[in-house]
């Protein structure tokens, strides 16, 4: 009989109350505010070295032409999307090829430098 009772208790949902007492709510809000402040401080301190390297590499002489090609493609596609009748066009250009060439250049530049900056 104890087995059946335990099974019923396990399957019965626990009671959840929609409202909590006011004094408990204030304590919880104060604790959440303190946690948010701690998280903000931690977020300010952390900087991903990969993001910094990728930004630097996108400005190197070898990657600048790729950045310009990608940006020109984005501008061209954006302008084309604004034209009337774009939705009915059979072929719609995208910038996938330019994007991958840009990423290949940036990754090739940043990968060798990245592991020297990791701790």
PDB file of N, CA and C in Angstrom:
ATOM      1  N   UNK A   1       0.816  -1.190   0.000  1.00  0.00           N
ATOM      2  CA  UNK A   1       0.000   0.000   0.000  1.00  0.00           C
ATOM      3  C   UNK A   1       0.870   1.267   0.000  1.00  0.00           C
ATOM      4  N   UNK A   2       2.012   1.200   0.672  1.00  0.00           N
ATOM      5  CA  UNK A   2       2.909   2.346   0.722  1.00  0.00           C
ATOM      6  C   UNK A   2       3.460   2.659  -0.669  1.00  0.00           C
ATOM      7  N   UNK A   3       3.652   1.618  -1.460  1.00  0.00           N
ATOM      8  CA  UNK A   3       4.162   1.819  -2.809  1.00  0.00           C
ATOM      9  C   UNK A   3       3.169   2.613  -3.655  1.00  0.00           C
ATOM     10  N   UNK A   4       1.893   2.276  -3.541  1.00  0.00           N
ATOM     11  CA  UNK A   4       0.860   2.965  -4.303  1.00  0.00           C
ATOM     12  C   UNK A   4       0.763   4.417  -3.851  1.00  0.00           C
ATOM     13  N   UNK A   5       0.842   4.657  -2.538  1.00  0.00           N
ATOM     14  CA  UNK A   5       0.777   6.014  -1.999  1.00  0.00           C
ATOM     15  C   UNK A   5       1.969   6.837  -2.504  1.00  0.00           C
ATOM     16  N   UNK A   6       3.162   6.248  -2.487  1.00  0.00           N
ATOM     17  CA  UNK A   6       4.348   6.950  -2.983  1.00  0.00           C
ATOM     18  C   UNK A   6       4.223   7.261  -4.473  1.00  0.00           C
ATOM     19  N   UNK A   7       3.656   6.336  -5.210  1.00  0.00           N
ATOM     20  CA  UNK A   7       3.460   6.544  -6.640  1.00  0.00           C
ATOM     21  C   UNK A   7       2.478   7.681  -6.900  1.00  0.00           C
ATOM     22  N   UNK A   8       1.398   7.715  -6.134  1.00  0.00           N
ATOM     23  CA  UNK A   8       0.412   8.789  -6.288  1.00  0.00           C
ATOM     24  C   UNK A   8       1.025  10.134  -5.919  1.00  0.00           C
ATOM     25  N   UNK A   9       1.807  10.187  -4.853  1.00  0.00           N
ATOM     26  CA  UNK A   9       2.455  11.443  -4.450  1.00  0.00           C
ATOM     27  C   UNK A   9       3.463  11.903  -5.506  1.00  0.00           C
ATOM     28  N   UNK A  10       4.138  10.959  -6.141  1.00  0.00           N
ATOM     29  CA  UNK A  10       5.119  11.320  -7.162  1.00  0.00           C
ATOM     30  C   UNK A  10       4.448  11.876  -8.411  1.00  0.00           C
ATOM     31  N   UNK A  11       3.268  11.379  -8.730  1.00  0.00           N
ATOM     32  CA  UNK A  11       2.580  11.817  -9.935  1.00  0.00           C
ATOM     33  C   UNK A  11       1.703  13.036  -9.715  1.00  0.00           C
ATOM     34  N   UNK A  12       1.368  13.328  -8.480  1.00  0.00           N
ATOM     35  CA  UNK A  12       0.519  14.475  -8.180  1.00  0.00           C
ATOM     36  C   UNK A  12       1.359  15.744  -8.273  1.00  0.00           C
ATOM     37  N   UNK A  13       0.889  16.741  -9.013  1.00  0.00           N
ATOM     38  CA  UNK A  13       1.672  17.981  -9.121  1.00  0.00           C
ATOM     39  C   UNK A  13       1.738  18.701  -7.780  1.00  0.00           C
ATOM     40  N   UNK A  14       2.853  19.355  -7.564  1.00  0.00           N
ATOM     41  CA  UNK A  14       3.005  20.121  -6.335  1.00  0.00           C
ATOM     42  C   UNK A  14       2.213  21.411  -6.446  1.00  0.00           C
ATOM     43  N   UNK A  15       1.883  21.964  -5.322  1.00  0.00           N
ATOM     44  CA  UNK A  15       1.079  23.171  -5.293  1.00  0.00           C
ATOM     45  C   UNK A  15       1.980  24.376  -5.498  1.00  0.00           C
ATOM     46  N   UNK A  16       1.604  25.228  -6.421  1.00  0.00           N
ATOM     47  CA  UNK A  16       2.334  26.465  -6.672  1.00  0.00           C
ATOM     48  C   UNK A  16       1.383  27.625  -6.450  1.00  0.00           C
ATOM     49  N   UNK A  17       1.833  28.606  -5.704  1.00  0.00           N
ATOM     50  CA  UNK A  17       1.002  29.756  -5.387  1.00  0.00           C
ATOM     51  C   UNK A  17       1.369  30.918  -6.299  1.00  0.00           C
ATOM     52  N   UNK A  18       0.366  31.623  -6.788  1.00  0.00           N
ATOM     53  CA  UNK A  18       0.586  32.728  -7.708  1.00  0.00           C
ATOM     54  C   UNK A  18       1.158  33.944  -7.004  1.00  0.00           C
ATOM     55  N   UNK A  19       0.824  34.130  -5.749  1.00  0.00           N
ATOM     56  CA  UNK A  19       1.294  35.296  -5.015  1.00  0.00           C
ATOM     57  C   UNK A  19       2.115  34.853  -3.820  1.00  0.00           C
ATOM     58  N   UNK A  20       3.157  35.631  -3.528  1.00  0.00           N
ATOM     59  CA  UNK A  20       3.952  35.381  -2.337  1.00  0.00           C
ATOM     60  C   UNK A  20       3.715  36.515  -1.366  1.00  0.00           C
ATOM     61  N   UNK A  21       3.970  36.293  -0.102  1.00  0.00           N
ATOM     62  CA  UNK A  21       3.800  37.382   0.865  1.00  0.00           C
ATOM     63  C   UNK A  21       4.672  38.583   0.495  1.00  0.00           C
ATOM     64  N   UNK A  22       4.228  39.789   0.819  1.00  0.00           N
ATOM     65  CA  UNK A  22       4.898  41.029   0.425  1.00  0.00           C
ATOM     66  C   UNK A  22       6.304  41.122   0.989  1.00  0.00           C
ATOM     67  N   UNK A  23       6.535  40.712   2.227  1.00  0.00           N
ATOM     68  CA  UNK A  23       7.860  40.841   2.814  1.00  0.00           C
ATOM     69  C   UNK A  23       8.868  39.911   2.132  1.00  0.00           C
ATOM     70  N   UNK A  24       8.440  38.759   1.679  1.00  0.00           N
ATOM     71  CA  UNK A  24       9.334  37.854   0.965  1.00  0.00           C
ATOM     72  C   UNK A  24       9.673  38.431  -0.406  1.00  0.00           C
ATOM     73  N   UNK A  25       8.723  39.056  -1.075  1.00  0.00           N
ATOM     74  CA  UNK A  25       8.930  39.632  -2.395  1.00  0.00           C
ATOM     75  C   UNK A  25       9.987  40.732  -2.349  1.00  0.00           C
ATOM     76  N   UNK A  26       9.938  41.578  -1.342  1.00  0.00           N
ATOM     77  CA  UNK A  26      10.910  42.666  -1.233  1.00  0.00           C
ATOM     78  C   UNK A  26      12.312  42.118  -1.050  1.00  0.00           C
ATOM     79  N   UNK A  27      12.458  41.071  -0.217  1.00  0.00           N
ATOM     80  CA  UNK A  27      13.767  40.482  -0.006  1.00  0.00           C
ATOM     81  C   UNK A  27      14.305  39.874  -1.301  1.00  0.00           C
ATOM     82  N   UNK A  28      13.439  39.230  -2.050  1.00  0.00           N
ATOM     83  CA  UNK A  28      13.845  38.617  -3.312  1.00  0.00           C
ATOM     84  C   UNK A  28      14.267  39.688  -4.308  1.00  0.00           C
ATOM     85  N   UNK A  29      13.529  40.798  -4.395  1.00  0.00           N
ATOM     86  CA  UNK A  29      13.874  41.875  -5.323  1.00  0.00           C
ATOM     87  C   UNK A  29      15.209  42.505  -4.956  1.00  0.00           C
ATOM     88  N   UNK A  30      15.477  42.698  -3.652  1.00  0.00           N
ATOM     89  CA  UNK A  30      16.753  43.256  -3.222  1.00  0.00           C
ATOM     90  C   UNK A  30      17.904  42.335  -3.611  1.00  0.00           C
ATOM     91  N   UNK A  31      17.710  41.042  -3.423  1.00  0.00           N
ATOM     92  CA  UNK A  31      18.748  40.082  -3.773  1.00  0.00           C
ATOM     93  C   UNK A  31      18.989  40.082  -5.282  1.00  0.00           C
ATOM     94  N   UNK A  32      17.921  40.195  -6.081  1.00  0.00           N
ATOM     95  CA  UNK A  32      18.073  40.220  -7.535  1.00  0.00           C
ATOM     96  C   UNK A  32      18.811  41.475  -7.983  1.00  0.00           C
ATOM     97  N   UNK A  33      18.538  42.620  -7.352  1.00  0.00           N
ATOM     98  CA  UNK A  33      19.228  43.856  -7.701  1.00  0.00           C
ATOM     99  C   UNK A  33      20.721  43.731  -7.433  1.00  0.00           C
ATOM    100  N   UNK A  34      21.084  43.125  -6.297  1.00  0.00           N
ATOM    101  CA  UNK A  34      22.494  42.953  -5.971  1.00  0.00           C
ATOM    102  C   UNK A  34      23.164  42.023  -6.977  1.00  0.00           C
ATOM    103  N   UNK A  35      22.471  40.953  -7.385  1.00  0.00           N
ATOM    104  CA  UNK A  35      23.034  40.030  -8.362  1.00  0.00           C
ATOM    105  C   UNK A  35      23.217  40.717  -9.708  1.00  0.00           C
ATOM    106  N   UNK A  36      22.264  41.558 -10.116  1.00  0.00           N
ATOM    107  CA  UNK A  36      22.372  42.275 -11.384  1.00  0.00           C
ATOM    108  C   UNK A  36      23.581  43.201 -11.383  1.00  0.00           C
ATOM    109  N   UNK A  37      23.826  43.877 -10.255  1.00  0.00           N
ATOM    110  CA  UNK A  37      24.976  44.774 -10.166  1.00  0.00           C
ATOM    111  C   UNK A  37      26.272  43.985 -10.287  1.00  0.00           C
ATOM    112  N   UNK A  38      26.340  42.810  -9.637  1.00  0.00           N
ATOM    113  CA  UNK A  38      27.532  41.984  -9.728  1.00  0.00           C
ATOM    114  C   UNK A  38      27.755  41.511 -11.157  1.00  0.00           C
ATOM    115  N   UNK A  39      26.684  41.129 -11.847  1.00  0.00           N
ATOM    116  CA  UNK A  39      26.806  40.671 -13.225  1.00  0.00           C
ATOM    117  C   UNK A  39      27.270  41.796 -14.138  1.00  0.00           C
ATOM    118  N   UNK A  40      26.785  43.020 -13.918  1.00  0.00           N
ATOM    119  CA  UNK A  40      27.202  44.151 -14.738  1.00  0.00           C
ATOM    120  C   UNK A  40      28.691  44.400 -14.585  1.00  0.00           C
ATOM    121  N   UNK A  41      29.202  44.285 -13.358  1.00  0.00           N
ATOM    122  CA  UNK A  41      30.623  44.503 -13.137  1.00  0.00           C
ATOM    123  C   UNK A  41      31.443  43.434 -13.847  1.00  0.00           C
ATOM    124  N   UNK A  42      30.986  42.177 -13.783  1.00  0.00           N
ATOM    125  CA  UNK A  42      31.705  41.093 -14.436  1.00  0.00           C
ATOM    126  C   UNK A  42      31.701  41.260 -15.948  1.00  0.00           C
ATOM    127  N   UNK A  43      30.587  41.703 -16.511  1.00  0.00           N
ATOM    128  CA  UNK A  43      30.489  41.864 -17.954  1.00  0.00           C
ATOM    129  C   UNK A  43      31.423  42.958 -18.457  1.00  0.00           C
ATOM    130  N   UNK A  44      31.633  43.996 -17.673  1.00  0.00           N
ATOM    131  CA  UNK A  44      32.512  45.073 -18.093  1.00  0.00           C
ATOM    132  C   UNK A  44      33.961  44.610 -18.154  1.00  0.00           C
ATOM    133  N   UNK A  45      34.335  43.693 -17.290  1.00  0.00           N
ATOM    134  CA  UNK A  45      35.721  43.263 -17.210  1.00  0.00           C
ATOM    135  C   UNK A  45      36.101  42.287 -18.322  1.00  0.00           C
ATOM    136  N   UNK A  46      35.182  41.448 -18.744  1.00  0.00           N
ATOM    137  CA  UNK A  46      35.504  40.407 -19.707  1.00  0.00           C
ATOM    138  C   UNK A  46      35.441  40.929 -21.139  1.00  0.00           C
ATOM    139  N   UNK A  47      36.513  40.680 -21.878  1.00  0.00           N
ATOM    140  CA  UNK A  47      36.565  41.033 -23.298  1.00  0.00           C
ATOM    141  C   UNK A  47      37.098  39.816 -24.033  1.00  0.00           C
ATOM    142  N   UNK A  48      36.384  39.395 -25.048  1.00  0.00           N
ATOM    143  CA  UNK A  48      36.793  38.233 -25.818  1.00  0.00           C
ATOM    144  C   UNK A  48      37.958  38.622 -26.726  1.00  0.00           C
ATOM    145  N   UNK A  49      39.119  37.977 -26.564  1.00  0.00           N
ATOM    146  CA  UNK A  49      40.262  38.340 -27.409  1.00  0.00           C
ATOM    147  C   UNK A  49      40.021  38.029 -28.886  1.00  0.00           C
ATOM    148  N   UNK A  50      39.164  37.067 -29.180  1.00  0.00           N
ATOM    149  CA  UNK A  50      38.880  36.748 -30.581  1.00  0.00           C
ATOM    150  C   UNK A  50      38.181  37.909 -31.271  1.00  0.00           C
ATOM    151  N   UNK A  51      37.241  38.544 -30.580  1.00  0.00           N
ATOM    152  CA  UNK A  51      36.550  39.691 -31.174  1.00  0.00           C
ATOM    153  C   UNK A  51      37.530  40.817 -31.480  1.00  0.00           C
ATOM    154  N   UNK A  52      38.446  41.058 -30.560  1.00  0.00           N
ATOM    155  CA  UNK A  52      39.450  42.103 -30.764  1.00  0.00           C
ATOM    156  C   UNK A  52      40.347  41.762 -31.954  1.00  0.00           C
ATOM    157  N   UNK A  53      40.799  40.525 -32.018  1.00  0.00           N
ATOM    158  CA  UNK A  53      41.659  40.104 -33.132  1.00  0.00           C
ATOM    159  C   UNK A  53      40.929  40.170 -34.467  1.00  0.00           C
ATOM    160  N   UNK A  54      39.671  39.764 -34.484  1.00  0.00           N
ATOM    161  CA  UNK A  54      38.903  39.796 -35.732  1.00  0.00           C
ATOM    162  C   UNK A  54      38.730  41.233 -36.215  1.00  0.00           C
ATOM    163  N   UNK A  55      38.514  42.147 -35.283  1.00  0.00           N
ATOM    164  CA  UNK A  55      38.380  43.559 -35.651  1.00  0.00           C
ATOM    165  C   UNK A  55      39.697  44.084 -36.225  1.00  0.00           C
ATOM    166  N   UNK A  56      40.814  43.728 -35.584  1.00  0.00           N
ATOM    167  CA  UNK A  56      42.123  44.164 -36.075  1.00  0.00           C
ATOM    168  C   UNK A  56      42.419  43.562 -37.451  1.00  0.00           C
ATOM    169  N   UNK A  57      42.107  42.284 -37.612  1.00  0.00           N
ATOM    170  CA  UNK A  57      42.401  41.607 -38.879  1.00  0.00           C
ATOM    171  C   UNK A  57      41.546  42.132 -40.021  1.00  0.00           C
ATOM    172  N   UNK A  58      40.345  42.587 -39.721  1.00  0.00           N
ATOM    173  CA  UNK A  58      39.500  43.117 -40.796  1.00  0.00           C
ATOM    174  C   UNK A  58      40.044  44.436 -41.333  1.00  0.00           C
ATOM    175  N   UNK A  59      40.988  45.036 -40.610  1.00  0.00           N
ATOM    176  CA  UNK A  59      41.577  46.306 -41.043  1.00  0.00           C
ATOM    177  C   UNK A  59      42.963  46.124 -41.659  1.00  0.00           C
ATOM    178  N   UNK A  60      43.430  44.884 -41.780  1.00  0.00           N
ATOM    179  CA  UNK A  60      44.740  44.656 -42.380  1.00  0.00           C
ATOM    180  C   UNK A  60      44.656  44.807 -43.896  1.00  0.00           C
ATOM    181  N   UNK A  61      45.807  45.017 -44.504  1.00  0.00           N
ATOM    182  CA  UNK A  61      45.854  45.253 -45.952  1.00  0.00           C
ATOM    183  C   UNK A  61      45.347  44.053 -46.749  1.00  0.00           C
ATOM    184  N   UNK A  62      45.540  42.854 -46.225  1.00  0.00           N
ATOM    185  CA  UNK A  62      45.106  41.674 -46.977  1.00  0.00           C
ATOM    186  C   UNK A  62      43.595  41.456 -46.904  1.00  0.00           C
ATOM    187  N   UNK A  63      42.941  41.948 -45.848  1.00  0.00           N
ATOM    188  CA  UNK A  63      41.497  41.713 -45.687  1.00  0.00           C
ATOM    189  C   UNK A  63      40.631  42.903 -46.081  1.00  0.00           C
ATOM    190  N   UNK A  64      41.214  44.077 -46.211  1.00  0.00           N
ATOM    191  CA  UNK A  64      40.415  45.263 -46.564  1.00  0.00           C
ATOM    192  C   UNK A  64      39.692  45.087 -47.902  1.00  0.00           C
ATOM    193  N   UNK A  65      40.336  44.529 -48.940  1.00  0.00           N
ATOM    194  CA  UNK A  65      39.583  44.335 -50.191  1.00  0.00           C
ATOM    195  C   UNK A  65      38.383  43.404 -50.016  1.00  0.00           C
ATOM    196  N   UNK A  66      38.526  42.382 -49.182  1.00  0.00           N
ATOM    197  CA  UNK A  66      37.409  41.461 -48.923  1.00  0.00           C
ATOM    198  C   UNK A  66      36.273  42.169 -48.197  1.00  0.00           C
ATOM    199  N   UNK A  67      36.626  43.024 -47.239  1.00  0.00           N
ATOM    200  CA  UNK A  67      35.608  43.791 -46.512  1.00  0.00           C
ATOM    201  C   UNK A  67      34.866  44.702 -47.479  1.00  0.00           C
ATOM    202  N   UNK A  68      35.616  45.361 -48.366  1.00  0.00           N
ATOM    203  CA  UNK A  68      34.993  46.266 -49.335  1.00  0.00           C
ATOM    204  C   UNK A  68      34.093  45.507 -50.311  1.00  0.00           C
ATOM    205  N   UNK A  69      34.538  44.325 -50.759  1.00  0.00           N
ATOM    206  CA  UNK A  69      33.710  43.519 -51.665  1.00  0.00           C
ATOM    207  C   UNK A  69      32.420  43.082 -50.976  1.00  0.00           C
ATOM    208  N   UNK A  70      32.538  42.655 -49.728  1.00  0.00           N
ATOM    209  CA  UNK A  70      31.350  42.218 -48.990  1.00  0.00           C
ATOM    210  C   UNK A  70      30.390  43.385 -48.770  1.00  0.00           C
ATOM    211  N   UNK A  71      30.918  44.532 -48.382  1.00  0.00           N
ATOM    212  CA  UNK A  71      30.062  45.695 -48.133  1.00  0.00           C
ATOM    213  C   UNK A  71      29.389  46.164 -49.423  1.00  0.00           C
ATOM    214  N   UNK A  72      30.120  46.126 -50.543  1.00  0.00           N
ATOM    215  CA  UNK A  72      29.522  46.501 -51.831  1.00  0.00           C
ATOM    216  C   UNK A  72      28.389  45.546 -52.191  1.00  0.00           C
ATOM    217  N   UNK A  73      28.578  44.273 -51.925  1.00  0.00           N
ATOM    218  CA  UNK A  73      27.523  43.292 -52.199  1.00  0.00           C
ATOM    219  C   UNK A  73      26.309  43.545 -51.312  1.00  0.00           C
ATOM    220  N   UNK A  74      26.537  43.816 -50.040  1.00  0.00           N
ATOM    221  CA  UNK A  74      25.426  44.091 -49.119  1.00  0.00           C
ATOM    222  C   UNK A  74      24.658  45.323 -49.578  1.00  0.00           C
ATOM    223  N   UNK A  75      25.379  46.356 -49.983  1.00  0.00           N
ATOM    224  CA  UNK A  75      24.716  47.572 -50.469  1.00  0.00           C
ATOM    225  C   UNK A  75      23.899  47.289 -51.733  1.00  0.00           C
ATOM    226  N   UNK A  76      24.482  46.498 -52.638  1.00  0.00           N
ATOM    227  CA  UNK A  76      23.805  46.160 -53.889  1.00  0.00           C
ATOM    228  C   UNK A  76      22.529  45.348 -53.623  1.00  0.00           C
ATOM    229  N   UNK A  77      22.609  44.378 -52.737  1.00  0.00           N
ATOM    230  CA  UNK A  77      21.449  43.537 -52.425  1.00  0.00           C
ATOM    231  C   UNK A  77      20.383  44.347 -51.705  1.00  0.00           C
ATOM    232  N   UNK A  78      20.792  45.205 -50.787  1.00  0.00           N
ATOM    233  CA  UNK A  78      19.828  46.041 -50.065  1.00  0.00           C
ATOM    234  C   UNK A  78      19.090  46.961 -51.023  1.00  0.00           C
ATOM    235  N   UNK A  79      19.828  47.561 -51.961  1.00  0.00           N
ATOM    236  CA  UNK A  79      19.205  48.442 -52.945  1.00  0.00           C
ATOM    237  C   UNK A  79      18.238  47.657 -53.830  1.00  0.00           C
ATOM    238  N   UNK A  80      18.634  46.451 -54.206  1.00  0.00           N
ATOM    239  CA  UNK A  80      17.782  45.622 -55.056  1.00  0.00           C
ATOM    240  C   UNK A  80      16.502  45.207 -54.323  1.00  0.00           C
ATOM    241  N   UNK A  81      16.600  44.960 -53.022  1.00  0.00           N
ATOM    242  CA  UNK A  81      15.424  44.563 -52.245  1.00  0.00           C
ATOM    243  C   UNK A  81      14.407  45.689 -52.132  1.00  0.00           C
ATOM    244  N   UNK A  82      14.865  46.921 -52.226  1.00  0.00           N
ATOM    245  CA  UNK A  82      13.967  48.069 -52.113  1.00  0.00           C
ATOM    246  C   UNK A  82      13.205  48.344 -53.410  1.00  0.00           C
ATOM    247  N   UNK A  83      13.644  47.747 -54.510  1.00  0.00           N
ATOM    248  CA  UNK A  83      12.980  47.967 -55.796  1.00  0.00           C
ATOM    249  C   UNK A  83      11.623  47.267 -55.824  1.00  0.00           C
ATOM    250  N   UNK A  84      10.653  47.867 -56.529  1.00  0.00           N
ATOM    251  CA  UNK A  84       9.354  47.191 -56.651  1.00  0.00           C
ATOM    252  C   UNK A  84       9.490  45.923 -57.497  1.00  0.00           C
ATOM    253  N   UNK A  85       8.750  44.912 -57.141  1.00  0.00           N
ATOM    254  CA  UNK A  85       8.781  43.660 -57.877  1.00  0.00           C
ATOM    255  C   UNK A  85       9.901  42.725 -57.466  1.00  0.00           C
ATOM    256  N   UNK A  86      10.585  43.038 -56.387  1.00  0.00           N
ATOM    257  CA  UNK A  86      11.698  42.190 -55.949  1.00  0.00           C
ATOM    258  C   UNK A  86      11.218  40.791 -55.571  1.00  0.00           C
ATOM    259  N   UNK A  87      10.068  40.718 -54.932  1.00  0.00           N
ATOM    260  CA  UNK A  87       9.553  39.430 -54.467  1.00  0.00           C
ATOM    261  C   UNK A  87       9.264  38.475 -55.619  1.00  0.00           C
ATOM    262  N   UNK A  88       8.927  39.002 -56.770  1.00  0.00           N
ATOM    263  CA  UNK A  88       8.573  38.142 -57.903  1.00  0.00           C
ATOM    264  C   UNK A  88       9.774  37.781 -58.780  1.00  0.00           C
ATOM    265  N   UNK A  89      10.964  38.288 -58.474  1.00  0.00           N
ATOM    266  CA  UNK A  89      12.150  37.971 -59.277  1.00  0.00           C
ATOM    267  C   UNK A  89      12.514  36.498 -59.125  1.00  0.00           C
ATOM    268  N   UNK A  90      12.977  35.933 -60.227  1.00  0.00           N
ATOM    269  CA  UNK A  90      13.364  34.522 -60.224  1.00  0.00           C
ATOM    270  C   UNK A  90      14.697  34.328 -59.489  1.00  0.00           C
ATOM    271  N   UNK A  91      15.668  35.188 -59.746  1.00  0.00           N
ATOM    272  CA  UNK A  91      16.979  35.076 -59.122  1.00  0.00           C
ATOM    273  C   UNK A  91      17.171  36.242 -58.167  1.00  0.00           C
ATOM    274  N   UNK A  92      17.503  35.919 -56.947  1.00  0.00           N
ATOM    275  CA  UNK A  92      17.780  36.943 -55.938  1.00  0.00           C
ATOM    276  C   UNK A  92      19.215  36.751 -55.465  1.00  0.00           C
ATOM    277  N   UNK A  93      20.012  37.792 -55.638  1.00  0.00           N
ATOM    278  CA  UNK A  93      21.421  37.717 -55.271  1.00  0.00           C
ATOM    279  C   UNK A  93      21.572  37.694 -53.757  1.00  0.00           C
ATOM    280  N   UNK A  94      22.568  36.950 -53.300  1.00  0.00           N
ATOM    281  CA  UNK A  94      22.944  36.997 -51.892  1.00  0.00           C
ATOM    282  C   UNK A  94      24.460  37.184 -51.806  1.00  0.00           C
ATOM    283  N   UNK A  95      24.953  37.401 -50.625  1.00  0.00           N
ATOM    284  CA  UNK A  95      26.375  37.704 -50.447  1.00  0.00           C
ATOM    285  C   UNK A  95      27.105  36.576 -49.728  1.00  0.00           C
ATOM    286  N   UNK A  96      26.645  35.361 -49.900  1.00  0.00           N
ATOM    287  CA  UNK A  96      27.238  34.228 -49.197  1.00  0.00           C
ATOM    288  C   UNK A  96      28.696  34.029 -49.606  1.00  0.00           C
ATOM    289  N   UNK A  97      28.969  34.082 -50.892  1.00  0.00           N
ATOM    290  CA  UNK A  97      30.334  33.857 -51.367  1.00  0.00           C
ATOM    291  C   UNK A  97      31.282  34.919 -50.818  1.00  0.00           C
ATOM    292  N   UNK A  98      30.879  36.180 -50.879  1.00  0.00           N
ATOM    293  CA  UNK A  98      31.711  37.267 -50.364  1.00  0.00           C
ATOM    294  C   UNK A  98      31.911  37.136 -48.855  1.00  0.00           C
ATOM    295  N   UNK A  99      30.851  36.724 -48.162  1.00  0.00           N
ATOM    296  CA  UNK A  99      30.937  36.555 -46.706  1.00  0.00           C
ATOM    297  C   UNK A  99      31.963  35.480 -46.348  1.00  0.00           C
ATOM    298  N   UNK A 100      31.919  34.343 -47.034  1.00  0.00           N
ATOM    299  CA  UNK A 100      32.854  33.268 -46.721  1.00  0.00           C
ATOM    300  C   UNK A 100      34.287  33.639 -47.072  1.00  0.00           C
ATOM    301  N   UNK A 101      34.497  34.385 -48.148  1.00  0.00           N
ATOM    302  CA  UNK A 101      35.846  34.852 -48.469  1.00  0.00           C
ATOM    303  C   UNK A 101      36.353  35.802 -47.384  1.00  0.00           C
ATOM    304  N   UNK A 102      35.489  36.664 -46.903  1.00  0.00           N
ATOM    305  CA  UNK A 102      35.864  37.590 -45.827  1.00  0.00           C
ATOM    306  C   UNK A 102      36.206  36.821 -44.556  1.00  0.00           C
ATOM    307  N   UNK A 103      35.375  35.867 -44.182  1.00  0.00           N
ATOM    308  CA  UNK A 103      35.626  35.093 -42.965  1.00  0.00           C
ATOM    309  C   UNK A 103      36.898  34.263 -43.082  1.00  0.00           C
ATOM    310  N   UNK A 104      37.170  33.733 -44.252  1.00  0.00           N
ATOM    311  CA  UNK A 104      38.389  32.967 -44.465  1.00  0.00           C
ATOM    312  C   UNK A 104      39.619  33.848 -44.254  1.00  0.00           C
ATOM    313  N   UNK A 105      39.570  35.064 -44.752  1.00  0.00           N
ATOM    314  CA  UNK A 105      40.685  35.992 -44.588  1.00  0.00           C
ATOM    315  C   UNK A 105      40.871  36.370 -43.119  1.00  0.00           C
ATOM    316  N   UNK A 106      39.774  36.710 -42.454  1.00  0.00           N
ATOM    317  CA  UNK A 106      39.853  37.126 -41.053  1.00  0.00           C
ATOM    318  C   UNK A 106      40.304  35.967 -40.170  1.00  0.00           C
ATOM    319  N   UNK A 107      39.769  34.776 -40.400  1.00  0.00           N
ATOM    320  CA  UNK A 107      40.161  33.619 -39.596  1.00  0.00           C
ATOM    321  C   UNK A 107      41.614  33.233 -39.834  1.00  0.00           C
ATOM    322  N   UNK A 108      42.061  33.335 -41.071  1.00  0.00           N
ATOM    323  CA  UNK A 108      43.457  33.036 -41.372  1.00  0.00           C
ATOM    324  C   UNK A 108      44.411  33.999 -40.693  1.00  0.00           C
ATOM    325  N   UNK A 109      43.984  35.219 -40.524  1.00  0.00           N
ATOM    326  CA  UNK A 109      44.811  36.225 -39.854  1.00  0.00           C
ATOM    327  C   UNK A 109      44.765  36.063 -38.338  1.00  0.00           C
ATOM    328  N   UNK A 110      43.581  35.801 -37.786  1.00  0.00           N
ATOM    329  CA  UNK A 110      43.422  35.809 -36.328  1.00  0.00           C
ATOM    330  C   UNK A 110      43.793  34.488 -35.658  1.00  0.00           C
ATOM    331  N   UNK A 111      43.667  33.371 -36.345  1.00  0.00           N
ATOM    332  CA  UNK A 111      43.911  32.067 -35.720  1.00  0.00           C
ATOM    333  C   UNK A 111      45.330  31.916 -35.166  1.00  0.00           C
ATOM    334  N   UNK A 112      46.370  32.251 -35.917  1.00  0.00           N
ATOM    335  CA  UNK A 112      47.715  32.085 -35.357  1.00  0.00           C
ATOM    336  C   UNK A 112      47.981  32.985 -34.150  1.00  0.00           C
ATOM    337  N   UNK A 113      47.354  34.137 -34.114  1.00  0.00           N
ATOM    338  CA  UNK A 113      47.584  35.086 -33.022  1.00  0.00           C
ATOM    339  C   UNK A 113      46.754  34.759 -31.787  1.00  0.00           C
ATOM    340  N   UNK A 114      45.653  34.052 -31.976  1.00  0.00           N
ATOM    341  CA  UNK A 114      44.703  33.829 -30.887  1.00  0.00           C
ATOM    342  C   UNK A 114      45.298  33.002 -29.760  1.00  0.00           C
ATOM    343  N   UNK A 115      45.989  31.943 -30.064  1.00  0.00           N
ATOM    344  CA  UNK A 115      46.457  31.038 -29.029  1.00  0.00           C
ATOM    345  C   UNK A 115      47.583  31.640 -28.196  1.00  0.00           C
ATOM    346  N   UNK A 116      48.226  32.671 -28.687  1.00  0.00           N
ATOM    347  CA  UNK A 116      49.227  33.366 -27.884  1.00  0.00           C
ATOM    348  C   UNK A 116      48.569  34.245 -26.831  1.00  0.00           C
ATOM    349  N   UNK A 117      47.331  34.653 -27.077  1.00  0.00           N
ATOM    350  CA  UNK A 117      46.632  35.528 -26.138  1.00  0.00           C
ATOM    351  C   UNK A 117      45.816  34.763 -25.107  1.00  0.00           C
ATOM    352  N   UNK A 118      45.553  33.486 -25.350  1.00  0.00           N
ATOM    353  CA  UNK A 118      44.767  32.696 -24.404  1.00  0.00           C
ATOM    354  C   UNK A 118      45.625  32.306 -23.213  1.00  0.00           C
ATOM    355  N   UNK A 119      44.972  32.230 -22.075  1.00  0.00           N
ATOM    356  CA  UNK A 119      45.703  31.864 -20.851  1.00  0.00           C
ATOM    357  C   UNK A 119      45.434  30.432 -20.492  1.00  0.00           C
TER     358      UNK A 119
END
